[in-house]
Amino acid sequence: MLLYSMMKEKNMKNKSMLIIPLFLLFAFVCTNAADAQFNLGLKVAGNATNYKKLSSMDLGFDAGLFMRLGDQFYFQPEVNYSFKSTRLTNLSDFVGEVHENVRLKQHFVDLPLLLGFHFINNDNFKVHLTVGPRFGFRIGSNLKEIDPEMDEGGKLQWAGQFGIGFDIWRFTLDARYDLASDKLFNRESSSTANSRNNWTQNMIVVALGFKFIK
């Protein structure tokens, strides 16, 4: 119980830290909206997701819309449908049974809110860095099919993203690393060696976009 309380308190502190990047995003938009450059585009992406010590990387995909407001410094909100697939390989320590090579499938609506900086900023060629929070709303999962006794974690997920990319004409290519704070399910581990940190989700995203308003 003590470990659970400590981890719960830590999780709440981490969530409160989201106030800082959200405030910075708000301040950026307010100070740059008047004369900012505006882009709107479509994007598709491949993602590779795993949970620490619980799974191996498996492939999924994203598809959605993105907007850019700004030039050298810019704000980029996105709305994406995201399918995340993970091969669970070591659940026996958590559920008391052997579940080998089970495929977890999750469906999300993701809302990344990113700040970007073009450190190369030519008319038809740009290179940029991005960082910011991502909010995800889980709209479907097959976790109950894997084990009916499992209770899924909360449907709202938040994460931090950072990455690098470049633009050529109207096309943009990005590679990002995503670290989510959520847990896979609400069952305590039967082994004290396994903590809730083992349930955090790591994801690599490679996205191709096209700006139809430039």
Foldseek 3Di string as FASTA:
>chain_A
DVQVVVVVVVLVVVVVVQVVQVVVLVVVCVVQVPDWDKWKWKKKKKKWKDFAPFFDTDIWMKIWMWMWTHAQKIKIKIWIKIKYKTQGADCCQFPVDGDHRDIKIWIKTKIWIKIKGFPPGDPFKTKMKIKGKMKIFTPDICVCVSPVPWAAWDRIKMWIKIWIWMGGHQKIKIKMKIKIDTFGTPTDGPDPVDDSSSRIMIMIMIMMMGTPGD
